[in-house]
Amino acid sequence: MNKEKLESILKEYSNLYTCAVSDAIDELGLEPGFIDSEIRPMWPGARVLGLAGTMKMDLSDEPLDRNIIAKMLQFIKQTPDFPIMCVDMSGYMIAAGLGQSTSRILEKLGFRGGLVDGPIRDIAQVTDLKFPIFARGIICSSIRGRMVIDMDSVMKPIKCGGRIITPGDLIFGDINGVVVVKSKDIESVLEKAKEMISTDKWWFEQLQKGRKPSEIEKERPLP
Protein backbone atom coordinates (compact mmCIF):
# COMPACT_ATOMS: atom_id res chain seq x y z
CA MET A 1 0.00 0.00 0.00
CA ASN A 2 1.51 3.34 -1.00
CA LYS A 3 2.04 6.23 1.40
CA GLU A 4 -0.74 8.39 -0.07
CA LYS A 5 -3.34 5.65 0.34
CA LEU A 6 -2.14 4.88 3.87
CA GLU A 7 -2.45 8.54 4.81
CA SER A 8 -6.02 8.60 3.51
CA ILE A 9 -6.91 5.44 5.47
CA LEU A 10 -5.40 6.80 8.68
CA LYS A 11 -7.39 10.00 8.23
CA GLU A 12 -10.58 7.93 8.09
CA TYR A 13 -9.57 5.96 11.18
CA SER A 14 -8.96 9.25 13.00
CA ASN A 15 -12.71 9.95 12.75
CA LEU A 16 -13.51 6.68 14.57
CA TYR A 17 -13.03 5.50 18.13
CA THR A 18 -11.42 2.31 19.43
CA CYS A 19 -14.66 0.68 20.62
CA ALA A 20 -16.05 0.70 17.08
CA VAL A 21 -12.81 -0.69 15.67
CA SER A 22 -12.70 -3.47 18.27
CA ASP A 23 -16.34 -4.32 17.55
CA ALA A 24 -15.64 -4.39 13.81
CA ILE A 25 -12.82 -6.87 14.35
CA ASP A 26 -15.18 -9.07 16.37
CA GLU A 27 -17.96 -8.75 13.79
CA LEU A 28 -15.60 -9.90 11.04
CA GLY A 29 -14.64 -12.96 13.08
CA LEU A 30 -10.98 -11.94 13.33
CA GLU A 31 -8.65 -12.48 16.26
CA PRO A 32 -9.52 -9.88 18.92
CA GLY A 33 -7.51 -6.68 18.69
CA PHE A 34 -8.06 -5.01 22.08
CA ILE A 35 -5.10 -5.06 24.45
CA ASP A 36 -4.76 -5.24 28.24
CA SER A 37 -6.90 -2.61 29.98
CA GLU A 38 -3.99 -1.67 32.26
CA ILE A 39 -2.27 0.00 29.31
CA ARG A 40 -3.68 3.52 29.38
CA PRO A 41 -3.03 6.99 27.91
CA MET A 42 -0.34 8.76 29.91
CA TRP A 43 -1.98 12.17 29.69
CA PRO A 44 -5.64 13.23 29.33
CA GLY A 45 -6.88 13.37 25.78
CA ALA A 46 -3.96 11.45 24.27
CA ARG A 47 -4.76 9.60 21.05
CA VAL A 48 -2.33 7.49 19.08
CA LEU A 49 -2.80 6.27 15.51
CA GLY A 50 -0.21 4.86 13.14
CA LEU A 51 1.69 1.76 12.09
CA ALA A 52 3.76 -0.36 14.44
CA GLY A 53 7.52 -0.27 14.60
CA THR A 54 8.60 -2.86 17.18
CA MET A 55 11.41 -3.61 19.60
CA LYS A 56 12.00 -5.43 22.87
CA MET A 57 14.03 -4.67 25.98
CA ASP A 58 15.77 -7.31 28.09
CA LEU A 59 17.35 -7.30 31.54
CA SER A 60 20.94 -6.11 31.69
CA ASP A 61 23.24 -5.00 34.51
CA GLU A 62 25.67 -3.42 32.08
CA PRO A 63 26.12 0.39 32.05
CA LEU A 64 24.01 2.27 29.54
CA ASP A 65 25.28 1.67 26.02
CA ARG A 66 26.80 4.93 24.82
CA ASN A 67 25.76 3.98 21.28
CA ILE A 68 22.09 3.80 22.20
CA ILE A 69 21.12 6.76 19.98
CA ALA A 70 22.91 5.17 17.01
CA LYS A 71 21.05 1.94 17.72
CA MET A 72 17.73 3.79 17.90
CA LEU A 73 18.45 5.38 14.53
CA GLN A 74 19.20 1.94 13.12
CA PHE A 75 15.78 0.88 14.40
CA ILE A 76 14.06 3.93 12.97
CA LYS A 77 15.44 3.32 9.47
CA GLN A 78 13.42 0.09 9.37
CA THR A 79 10.07 1.45 10.56
CA PRO A 80 7.02 1.92 8.30
CA ASP A 81 5.52 5.26 7.33
CA PHE A 82 3.48 6.97 10.09
CA PRO A 83 5.27 4.94 12.80
CA ILE A 84 4.33 4.22 16.40
CA MET A 85 7.14 3.10 18.70
CA CYS A 86 5.95 -0.21 20.25
CA VAL A 87 8.11 -1.47 23.12
CA ASP A 88 7.95 -4.88 24.80
CA MET A 89 9.53 -4.54 28.27
CA SER A 90 9.66 -8.32 28.74
CA GLY A 91 7.14 -8.15 31.58
CA TYR A 92 9.34 -6.02 33.86
CA MET A 93 8.22 -2.87 35.65
CA ILE A 94 11.67 -1.76 36.81
CA ALA A 95 12.60 0.97 34.33
CA ALA A 96 11.04 3.40 31.88
CA GLY A 97 10.66 2.29 28.29
CA LEU A 98 10.25 5.89 27.11
CA GLY A 99 10.73 9.32 28.65
CA GLN A 100 11.17 12.97 27.72
CA SER A 101 14.43 12.61 25.76
CA THR A 102 13.30 9.66 23.67
CA SER A 103 9.91 11.30 23.10
CA ARG A 104 11.54 14.46 21.76
CA ILE A 105 13.82 12.44 19.48
CA LEU A 106 10.97 10.29 18.20
CA GLU A 107 8.73 13.28 17.55
CA LYS A 108 11.46 14.99 15.52
CA LEU A 109 11.91 11.79 13.52
CA GLY A 110 8.24 11.66 12.58
CA PHE A 111 6.88 9.18 15.10
CA ARG A 112 3.21 9.60 15.96
CA GLY A 113 3.43 8.22 19.49
CA GLY A 114 4.45 5.31 21.64
CA LEU A 115 2.98 2.10 23.04
CA VAL A 116 4.90 0.57 25.94
CA ASP A 117 4.05 -2.69 27.70
CA GLY A 118 5.72 -1.42 30.84
CA PRO A 119 6.26 1.93 32.55
CA ILE A 120 7.44 5.29 31.26
CA ARG A 121 8.69 8.41 33.05
CA ASP A 122 9.01 12.22 32.80
CA ILE A 123 5.22 12.53 32.66
CA ALA A 124 5.17 16.31 33.15
CA GLN A 125 7.56 16.87 30.25
CA VAL A 126 5.88 14.30 27.98
CA THR A 127 2.52 15.94 28.71
CA ASP A 128 3.88 19.39 27.88
CA LEU A 129 5.30 18.00 24.65
CA LYS A 130 1.90 16.42 23.85
CA PHE A 131 3.65 13.30 22.59
CA PRO A 132 0.98 10.58 22.89
CA ILE A 133 2.13 7.53 24.83
CA PHE A 134 0.09 4.59 26.08
CA ALA A 135 1.79 2.53 28.78
CA ARG A 136 1.24 0.21 31.72
CA GLY A 137 2.38 2.69 34.35
CA ILE A 138 4.79 5.35 35.56
CA ILE A 139 8.19 4.97 37.21
CA CYS A 140 11.10 7.29 37.98
CA SER A 141 13.97 4.87 37.16
CA SER A 142 15.89 4.78 33.87
CA ILE A 143 17.05 1.74 31.92
CA ARG A 144 20.68 2.45 32.91
CA GLY A 145 22.14 -0.72 34.38
CA ARG A 146 18.73 -2.39 34.29
CA MET A 147 17.59 -3.05 30.74
CA VAL A 148 18.93 -2.89 27.19
CA ILE A 149 17.46 -2.88 23.68
CA ASP A 150 17.51 -6.34 22.11
CA MET A 151 18.61 -5.38 18.62
CA ASP A 152 17.66 -8.83 17.32
CA SER A 153 14.04 -7.98 18.16
CA VAL A 154 13.93 -4.81 16.07
CA MET A 155 11.05 -4.90 13.58
CA LYS A 156 10.11 -8.43 14.63
CA PRO A 157 6.82 -9.55 16.24
CA ILE A 158 6.59 -8.62 19.93
CA LYS A 159 4.06 -9.22 22.70
CA CYS A 160 2.26 -6.16 24.01
CA GLY A 161 -0.77 -6.10 26.26
CA GLY A 162 -1.46 -9.77 25.62
CA ARG A 163 -1.42 -9.40 21.82
CA ILE A 164 1.23 -10.15 19.24
CA ILE A 165 2.11 -6.98 17.35
CA THR A 166 3.80 -7.35 13.98
CA PRO A 167 5.58 -4.46 12.26
CA GLY A 168 3.10 -2.60 10.06
CA ASP A 169 0.03 -3.45 12.15
CA LEU A 170 -2.25 -0.49 12.81
CA ILE A 171 -2.14 0.85 16.38
CA PHE A 172 -5.07 2.96 17.57
CA GLY A 173 -5.43 4.28 21.10
CA ASP A 174 -7.87 6.67 22.75
CA ILE A 175 -9.54 7.17 26.13
CA ASN A 176 -11.11 3.70 25.87
CA GLY A 177 -7.81 1.85 25.41
CA VAL A 178 -5.75 0.45 22.55
CA VAL A 179 -6.72 -1.77 19.64
CA VAL A 180 -4.40 -3.48 17.15
CA VAL A 181 -5.51 -4.16 13.57
CA LYS A 182 -3.45 -6.66 11.58
CA SER A 183 -1.94 -5.09 8.47
CA LYS A 184 -3.89 -7.35 6.10
CA ASP A 185 -7.19 -6.37 7.74
CA ILE A 186 -6.78 -2.59 7.95
CA GLU A 187 -9.13 -1.75 5.08
CA SER A 188 -11.85 -4.33 5.83
CA VAL A 189 -11.94 -3.36 9.52
CA LEU A 190 -12.22 0.32 8.58
CA GLU A 191 -15.24 -0.29 6.36
CA LYS A 192 -16.96 -2.48 8.95
CA ALA A 193 -16.33 0.05 11.73
CA LYS A 194 -17.82 2.87 9.62
CA GLU A 195 -20.85 0.70 8.92
CA MET A 196 -21.35 -0.07 12.62
CA ILE A 197 -21.03 3.57 13.63
CA SER A 198 -23.61 4.45 10.99
CA THR A 199 -26.00 1.92 12.50
CA ASP A 200 -25.42 3.30 16.00
CA LYS A 201 -26.15 6.82 14.78
CA TRP A 202 -29.33 5.67 13.03
CA TRP A 203 -30.50 3.92 16.22
CA PHE A 204 -30.03 7.08 18.27
CA GLU A 205 -31.99 9.08 15.70
CA GLN A 206 -34.86 6.60 15.82
CA LEU A 207 -34.92 6.62 19.63
CA GLN A 208 -35.06 10.42 19.60
CA LYS A 209 -38.11 10.15 17.34
CA GLY A 210 -39.81 8.13 20.09
CA ARG A 211 -39.75 4.74 18.39
CA LYS A 212 -39.68 1.61 20.54
CA PRO A 213 -36.36 -0.31 20.62
CA SER A 214 -38.17 -3.56 19.79
CA GLU A 215 -39.51 -1.99 16.59
CA ILE A 216 -36.18 -0.48 15.63
CA GLU A 217 -34.36 -3.79 16.11
CA LYS A 218 -36.65 -5.54 13.62
CA GLU A 219 -35.66 -3.00 10.99
CA ARG A 220 -31.96 -2.79 11.72
CA PRO A 221 -30.34 -4.88 14.55
CA LEU A 222 -27.80 -3.21 16.79
CA PRO A 223 -24.21 -3.92 15.77
C-alpha atoms as a PDB file:
ATOM      1  CA  MET A   1       0.000   0.000   0.000  1.00  0.00           C
ATOM      2  CA  ASN A   2       1.510   3.339  -1.003  1.00  0.00           C
ATOM      3  CA  LYS A   3       2.037   6.234   1.395  1.00  0.00           C
ATOM      4  CA  GLU A   4      -0.736   8.394  -0.070  1.00  0.00           C
ATOM      5  CA  LYS A   5      -3.335   5.649   0.343  1.00  0.00           C
ATOM      6  CA  LEU A   6      -2.140   4.884   3.870  1.00  0.00           C
ATOM      7  CA  GLU A   7      -2.453   8.544   4.811  1.00  0.00           C
ATOM      8  CA  SER A   8      -6.024   8.604   3.511  1.00  0.00           C
ATOM      9  CA  ILE A   9      -6.909   5.445   5.465  1.00  0.00           C
ATOM     10  CA  LEU A  10      -5.403   6.804   8.679  1.00  0.00           C
ATOM     11  CA  LYS A  11      -7.393  10.002   8.232  1.00  0.00           C
ATOM     12  CA  GLU A  12     -10.580   7.933   8.088  1.00  0.00           C
ATOM     13  CA  TYR A  13      -9.567   5.964  11.177  1.00  0.00           C
ATOM     14  CA  SER A  14      -8.963   9.254  12.997  1.00  0.00           C
ATOM     15  CA  ASN A  15     -12.708   9.954  12.755  1.00  0.00           C
ATOM     16  CA  LEU A  16     -13.506   6.685  14.572  1.00  0.00           C
ATOM     17  CA  TYR A  17     -13.035   5.500  18.134  1.00  0.00           C
ATOM     18  CA  THR A  18     -11.424   2.310  19.433  1.00  0.00           C
ATOM     19  CA  CYS A  19     -14.657   0.681  20.620  1.00  0.00           C
ATOM     20  CA  ALA A  20     -16.049   0.701  17.079  1.00  0.00           C
ATOM     21  CA  VAL A  21     -12.809  -0.691  15.675  1.00  0.00           C
ATOM     22  CA  SER A  22     -12.699  -3.471  18.272  1.00  0.00           C
ATOM     23  CA  ASP A  23     -16.339  -4.324  17.554  1.00  0.00           C
ATOM     24  CA  ALA A  24     -15.644  -4.389  13.811  1.00  0.00           C
ATOM     25  CA  ILE A  25     -12.821  -6.874  14.346  1.00  0.00           C
ATOM     26  CA  ASP A  26     -15.180  -9.073  16.366  1.00  0.00           C
ATOM     27  CA  GLU A  27     -17.963  -8.749  13.788  1.00  0.00           C
ATOM     28  CA  LEU A  28     -15.598  -9.899  11.035  1.00  0.00           C
ATOM     29  CA  GLY A  29     -14.638 -12.961  13.079  1.00  0.00           C
ATOM     30  CA  LEU A  30     -10.978 -11.944  13.329  1.00  0.00           C
ATOM     31  CA  GLU A  31      -8.647 -12.481  16.258  1.00  0.00           C
ATOM     32  CA  PRO A  32      -9.521  -9.879  18.925  1.00  0.00           C
ATOM     33  CA  GLY A  33      -7.510  -6.677  18.689  1.00  0.00           C
ATOM     34  CA  PHE A  34      -8.057  -5.007  22.084  1.00  0.00           C
ATOM     35  CA  ILE A  35      -5.099  -5.061  24.447  1.00  0.00           C
ATOM     36  CA  ASP A  36      -4.763  -5.238  28.237  1.00  0.00           C
ATOM     37  CA  SER A  37      -6.900  -2.608  29.978  1.00  0.00           C
ATOM     38  CA  GLU A  38      -3.991  -1.667  32.264  1.00  0.00           C
ATOM     39  CA  ILE A  39      -2.267   0.002  29.314  1.00  0.00           C
ATOM     40  CA  ARG A  40      -3.682   3.517  29.378  1.00  0.00           C
ATOM     41  CA  PRO A  41      -3.029   6.994  27.915  1.00  0.00           C
ATOM     42  CA  MET A  42      -0.337   8.757  29.910  1.00  0.00           C
ATOM     43  CA  TRP A  43      -1.981  12.173  29.693  1.00  0.00           C
ATOM     44  CA  PRO A  44      -5.638  13.226  29.333  1.00  0.00           C
ATOM     45  CA  GLY A  45      -6.877  13.369  25.780  1.00  0.00           C
ATOM     46  CA  ALA A  46      -3.955  11.452  24.272  1.00  0.00           C
ATOM     47  CA  ARG A  47      -4.757   9.599  21.052  1.00  0.00           C
ATOM     48  CA  VAL A  48      -2.328   7.492  19.078  1.00  0.00           C
ATOM     49  CA  LEU A  49      -2.798   6.274  15.505  1.00  0.00           C
ATOM     50  CA  GLY A  50      -0.212   4.856  13.137  1.00  0.00           C
ATOM     51  CA  LEU A  51       1.687   1.761  12.088  1.00  0.00           C
ATOM     52  CA  ALA A  52       3.764  -0.361  14.440  1.00  0.00           C
ATOM     53  CA  GLY A  53       7.516  -0.270  14.605  1.00  0.00           C
ATOM     54  CA  THR A  54       8.600  -2.862  17.181  1.00  0.00           C
ATOM     55  CA  MET A  55      11.414  -3.605  19.602  1.00  0.00           C
ATOM     56  CA  LYS A  56      12.000  -5.428  22.873  1.00  0.00           C
ATOM     57  CA  MET A  57      14.029  -4.667  25.980  1.00  0.00           C
ATOM     58  CA  ASP A  58      15.766  -7.306  28.087  1.00  0.00           C
ATOM     59  CA  LEU A  59      17.347  -7.304  31.539  1.00  0.00           C
ATOM     60  CA  SER A  60      20.945  -6.112  31.687  1.00  0.00           C
ATOM     61  CA  ASP A  61      23.238  -5.002  34.514  1.00  0.00           C
ATOM     62  CA  GLU A  62      25.666  -3.415  32.084  1.00  0.00           C
ATOM     63  CA  PRO A  63      26.122   0.389  32.047  1.00  0.00           C
ATOM     64  CA  LEU A  64      24.008   2.272  29.542  1.00  0.00           C
ATOM     65  CA  ASP A  65      25.283   1.672  26.022  1.00  0.00           C
ATOM     66  CA  ARG A  66      26.796   4.929  24.816  1.00  0.00           C
ATOM     67  CA  ASN A  67      25.764   3.981  21.284  1.00  0.00           C
ATOM     68  CA  ILE A  68      22.088   3.799  22.199  1.00  0.00           C
ATOM     69  CA  ILE A  69      21.120   6.757  19.979  1.00  0.00           C
ATOM     70  CA  ALA A  70      22.907   5.172  17.012  1.00  0.00           C
ATOM     71  CA  LYS A  71      21.052   1.941  17.725  1.00  0.00           C
ATOM     72  CA  MET A  72      17.734   3.787  17.899  1.00  0.00           C
ATOM     73  CA  LEU A  73      18.454   5.384  14.527  1.00  0.00           C
ATOM     74  CA  GLN A  74      19.199   1.940  13.125  1.00  0.00           C
ATOM     75  CA  PHE A  75      15.777   0.875  14.398  1.00  0.00           C
ATOM     76  CA  ILE A  76      14.061   3.932  12.967  1.00  0.00           C
ATOM     77  CA  LYS A  77      15.440   3.319   9.467  1.00  0.00           C
ATOM     78  CA  GLN A  78      13.421   0.091   9.369  1.00  0.00           C
ATOM     79  CA  THR A  79      10.073   1.453  10.557  1.00  0.00           C
ATOM     80  CA  PRO A  80       7.025   1.920   8.299  1.00  0.00           C
ATOM     81  CA  ASP A  81       5.515   5.257   7.332  1.00  0.00           C
ATOM     82  CA  PHE A  82       3.477   6.966  10.086  1.00  0.00           C
ATOM     83  CA  PRO A  83       5.274   4.938  12.802  1.00  0.00           C
ATOM     84  CA  ILE A  84       4.325   4.224  16.404  1.00  0.00           C
ATOM     85  CA  MET A  85       7.143   3.095  18.699  1.00  0.00           C
ATOM     86  CA  CYS A  86       5.955  -0.205  20.249  1.00  0.00           C
ATOM     87  CA  VAL A  87       8.109  -1.474  23.116  1.00  0.00           C
ATOM     88  CA  ASP A  88       7.946  -4.883  24.805  1.00  0.00           C
ATOM     89  CA  MET A  89       9.527  -4.536  28.271  1.00  0.00           C
ATOM     90  CA  SER A  90       9.657  -8.321  28.744  1.00  0.00           C
ATOM     91  CA  GLY A  91       7.144  -8.146  31.583  1.00  0.00           C
ATOM     92  CA  TYR A  92       9.343  -6.020  33.856  1.00  0.00           C
ATOM     93  CA  MET A  93       8.224  -2.866  35.651  1.00  0.00           C
ATOM     94  CA  ILE A  94      11.670  -1.765  36.814  1.00  0.00           C
ATOM     95  CA  ALA A  95      12.600   0.967  34.328  1.00  0.00           C
ATOM     96  CA  ALA A  96      11.042   3.400  31.883  1.00  0.00           C
ATOM     97  CA  GLY A  97      10.662   2.286  28.287  1.00  0.00           C
ATOM     98  CA  LEU A  98      10.252   5.888  27.112  1.00  0.00           C
ATOM     99  CA  GLY A  99      10.730   9.324  28.648  1.00  0.00           C
ATOM    100  CA  GLN A 100      11.171  12.967  27.723  1.00  0.00           C
ATOM    101  CA  SER A 101      14.426  12.611  25.761  1.00  0.00           C
ATOM    102  CA  THR A 102      13.296   9.660  23.674  1.00  0.00           C
ATOM    103  CA  SER A 103       9.911  11.297  23.096  1.00  0.00           C
ATOM    104  CA  ARG A 104      11.536  14.458  21.758  1.00  0.00           C
ATOM    105  CA  ILE A 105      13.819  12.437  19.480  1.00  0.00           C
ATOM    106  CA  LEU A 106      10.966  10.290  18.204  1.00  0.00           C
ATOM    107  CA  GLU A 107       8.734  13.279  17.550  1.00  0.00           C
ATOM    108  CA  LYS A 108      11.463  14.992  15.522  1.00  0.00           C
ATOM    109  CA  LEU A 109      11.911  11.787  13.516  1.00  0.00           C
ATOM    110  CA  GLY A 110       8.243  11.655  12.576  1.00  0.00           C
ATOM    111  CA  PHE A 111       6.880   9.181  15.100  1.00  0.00           C
ATOM    112  CA  ARG A 112       3.210   9.600  15.958  1.00  0.00           C
ATOM    113  CA  GLY A 113       3.429   8.223  19.487  1.00  0.00           C
ATOM    114  CA  GLY A 114       4.452   5.305  21.641  1.00  0.00           C
ATOM    115  CA  LEU A 115       2.983   2.096  23.041  1.00  0.00           C
ATOM    116  CA  VAL A 116       4.896   0.567  25.943  1.00  0.00           C
ATOM    117  CA  ASP A 117       4.050  -2.687  27.699  1.00  0.00           C
ATOM    118  CA  GLY A 118       5.720  -1.419  30.837  1.00  0.00           C
ATOM    119  CA  PRO A 119       6.256   1.932  32.553  1.00  0.00           C
ATOM    120  CA  ILE A 120       7.437   5.295  31.261  1.00  0.00           C
ATOM    121  CA  ARG A 121       8.690   8.411  33.053  1.00  0.00           C
ATOM    122  CA  ASP A 122       9.006  12.215  32.796  1.00  0.00           C
ATOM    123  CA  ILE A 123       5.221  12.527  32.657  1.00  0.00           C
ATOM    124  CA  ALA A 124       5.172  16.314  33.147  1.00  0.00           C
ATOM    125  CA  GLN A 125       7.565  16.867  30.252  1.00  0.00           C
ATOM    126  CA  VAL A 126       5.883  14.304  27.980  1.00  0.00           C
ATOM    127  CA  THR A 127       2.520  15.938  28.707  1.00  0.00           C
ATOM    128  CA  ASP A 128       3.879  19.391  27.879  1.00  0.00           C
ATOM    129  CA  LEU A 129       5.297  17.997  24.652  1.00  0.00           C
ATOM    130  CA  LYS A 130       1.904  16.418  23.851  1.00  0.00           C
ATOM    131  CA  PHE A 131       3.654  13.301  22.592  1.00  0.00           C
ATOM    132  CA  PRO A 132       0.984  10.583  22.888  1.00  0.00           C
ATOM    133  CA  ILE A 133       2.126   7.526  24.825  1.00  0.00           C
ATOM    134  CA  PHE A 134       0.095   4.587  26.081  1.00  0.00           C
ATOM    135  CA  ALA A 135       1.793   2.530  28.781  1.00  0.00           C
ATOM    136  CA  ARG A 136       1.235   0.210  31.717  1.00  0.00           C
ATOM    137  CA  GLY A 137       2.377   2.686  34.354  1.00  0.00           C
ATOM    138  CA  ILE A 138       4.788   5.350  35.557  1.00  0.00           C
ATOM    139  CA  ILE A 139       8.185   4.966  37.213  1.00  0.00           C
ATOM    140  CA  CYS A 140      11.105   7.285  37.983  1.00  0.00           C
ATOM    141  CA  SER A 141      13.973   4.874  37.156  1.00  0.00           C
ATOM    142  CA  SER A 142      15.890   4.783  33.872  1.00  0.00           C
ATOM    143  CA  ILE A 143      17.048   1.738  31.920  1.00  0.00           C
ATOM    144  CA  ARG A 144      20.675   2.450  32.913  1.00  0.00           C
ATOM    145  CA  GLY A 145      22.143  -0.719  34.378  1.00  0.00           C
ATOM    146  CA  ARG A 146      18.728  -2.394  34.291  1.00  0.00           C
ATOM    147  CA  MET A 147      17.590  -3.050  30.739  1.00  0.00           C
ATOM    148  CA  VAL A 148      18.926  -2.886  27.193  1.00  0.00           C
ATOM    149  CA  ILE A 149      17.461  -2.882  23.683  1.00  0.00           C
ATOM    150  CA  ASP A 150      17.513  -6.340  22.111  1.00  0.00           C
ATOM    151  CA  MET A 151      18.613  -5.383  18.620  1.00  0.00           C
ATOM    152  CA  ASP A 152      17.658  -8.832  17.319  1.00  0.00           C
ATOM    153  CA  SER A 153      14.037  -7.978  18.160  1.00  0.00           C
ATOM    154  CA  VAL A 154      13.931  -4.808  16.068  1.00  0.00           C
ATOM    155  CA  MET A 155      11.053  -4.904  13.583  1.00  0.00           C
ATOM    156  CA  LYS A 156      10.111  -8.435  14.633  1.00  0.00           C
ATOM    157  CA  PRO A 157       6.820  -9.549  16.235  1.00  0.00           C
ATOM    158  CA  ILE A 158       6.585  -8.624  19.925  1.00  0.00           C
ATOM    159  CA  LYS A 159       4.061  -9.219  22.695  1.00  0.00           C
ATOM    160  CA  CYS A 160       2.265  -6.163  24.013  1.00  0.00           C
ATOM    161  CA  GLY A 161      -0.773  -6.102  26.259  1.00  0.00           C
ATOM    162  CA  GLY A 162      -1.459  -9.766  25.618  1.00  0.00           C
ATOM    163  CA  ARG A 163      -1.418  -9.397  21.821  1.00  0.00           C
ATOM    164  CA  ILE A 164       1.231 -10.149  19.236  1.00  0.00           C
ATOM    165  CA  ILE A 165       2.114  -6.975  17.351  1.00  0.00           C
ATOM    166  CA  THR A 166       3.796  -7.348  13.979  1.00  0.00           C
ATOM    167  CA  PRO A 167       5.576  -4.462  12.264  1.00  0.00           C
ATOM    168  CA  GLY A 168       3.103  -2.605  10.062  1.00  0.00           C
ATOM    169  CA  ASP A 169       0.029  -3.451  12.155  1.00  0.00           C
ATOM    170  CA  LEU A 170      -2.250  -0.488  12.807  1.00  0.00           C
ATOM    171  CA  ILE A 171      -2.138   0.850  16.375  1.00  0.00           C
ATOM    172  CA  PHE A 172      -5.070   2.961  17.565  1.00  0.00           C
ATOM    173  CA  GLY A 173      -5.427   4.277  21.102  1.00  0.00           C
ATOM    174  CA  ASP A 174      -7.869   6.671  22.751  1.00  0.00           C
ATOM    175  CA  ILE A 175      -9.539   7.172  26.129  1.00  0.00           C
ATOM    176  CA  ASN A 176     -11.111   3.695  25.870  1.00  0.00           C
ATOM    177  CA  GLY A 177      -7.814   1.848  25.412  1.00  0.00           C
ATOM    178  CA  VAL A 178      -5.754   0.455  22.546  1.00  0.00           C
ATOM    179  CA  VAL A 179      -6.719  -1.774  19.644  1.00  0.00           C
ATOM    180  CA  VAL A 180      -4.399  -3.485  17.146  1.00  0.00           C
ATOM    181  CA  VAL A 181      -5.510  -4.156  13.565  1.00  0.00           C
ATOM    182  CA  LYS A 182      -3.450  -6.655  11.579  1.00  0.00           C
ATOM    183  CA  SER A 183      -1.942  -5.085   8.474  1.00  0.00           C
ATOM    184  CA  LYS A 184      -3.885  -7.349   6.098  1.00  0.00           C
ATOM    185  CA  ASP A 185      -7.187  -6.370   7.735  1.00  0.00           C
ATOM    186  CA  ILE A 186      -6.778  -2.587   7.946  1.00  0.00           C
ATOM    187  CA  GLU A 187      -9.134  -1.754   5.077  1.00  0.00           C
ATOM    188  CA  SER A 188     -11.848  -4.335   5.830  1.00  0.00           C
ATOM    189  CA  VAL A 189     -11.939  -3.362   9.522  1.00  0.00           C
ATOM    190  CA  LEU A 190     -12.220   0.319   8.576  1.00  0.00           C
ATOM    191  CA  GLU A 191     -15.238  -0.291   6.358  1.00  0.00           C
ATOM    192  CA  LYS A 192     -16.964  -2.482   8.948  1.00  0.00           C
ATOM    193  CA  ALA A 193     -16.327   0.053  11.734  1.00  0.00           C
ATOM    194  CA  LYS A 194     -17.816   2.866   9.616  1.00  0.00           C
ATOM    195  CA  GLU A 195     -20.849   0.699   8.921  1.00  0.00           C
ATOM    196  CA  MET A 196     -21.355  -0.074  12.617  1.00  0.00           C
ATOM    197  CA  ILE A 197     -21.032   3.573  13.628  1.00  0.00           C
ATOM    198  CA  SER A 198     -23.612   4.447  10.986  1.00  0.00           C
ATOM    199  CA  THR A 199     -26.005   1.917  12.497  1.00  0.00           C
ATOM    200  CA  ASP A 200     -25.420   3.298  16.003  1.00  0.00           C
ATOM    201  CA  LYS A 201     -26.148   6.817  14.780  1.00  0.00           C
ATOM    202  CA  TRP A 202     -29.330   5.673  13.032  1.00  0.00           C
ATOM    203  CA  TRP A 203     -30.503   3.922  16.220  1.00  0.00           C
ATOM    204  CA  PHE A 204     -30.032   7.082  18.270  1.00  0.00           C
ATOM    205  CA  GLU A 205     -31.988   9.076  15.705  1.00  0.00           C
ATOM    206  CA  GLN A 206     -34.862   6.598  15.822  1.00  0.00           C
ATOM    207  CA  LEU A 207     -34.921   6.623  19.630  1.00  0.00           C
ATOM    208  CA  GLN A 208     -35.061  10.422  19.602  1.00  0.00           C
ATOM    209  CA  LYS A 209     -38.113  10.153  17.341  1.00  0.00           C
ATOM    210  CA  GLY A 210     -39.813   8.133  20.085  1.00  0.00           C
ATOM    211  CA  ARG A 211     -39.751   4.738  18.387  1.00  0.00           C
ATOM    212  CA  LYS A 212     -39.679   1.610  20.538  1.00  0.00           C
ATOM    213  CA  PRO A 213     -36.358  -0.307  20.619  1.00  0.00           C
ATOM    214  CA  SER A 214     -38.166  -3.563  19.795  1.00  0.00           C
ATOM    215  CA  GLU A 215     -39.515  -1.993  16.590  1.00  0.00           C
ATOM    216  CA  ILE A 216     -36.177  -0.484  15.631  1.00  0.00           C
ATOM    217  CA  GLU A 217     -34.364  -3.789  16.111  1.00  0.00           C
ATOM    218  CA  LYS A 218     -36.654  -5.539  13.624  1.00  0.00           C
ATOM    219  CA  GLU A 219     -35.658  -3.000  10.988  1.00  0.00           C
ATOM    220  CA  ARG A 220     -31.957  -2.791  11.722  1.00  0.00           C
ATOM    221  CA  PRO A 221     -30.339  -4.881  14.546  1.00  0.00           C
ATOM    222  CA  LEU A 222     -27.804  -3.205  16.795  1.00  0.00           C
ATOM    223  CA  PRO A 223     -24.211  -3.925  15.773  1.00  0.00           C
END
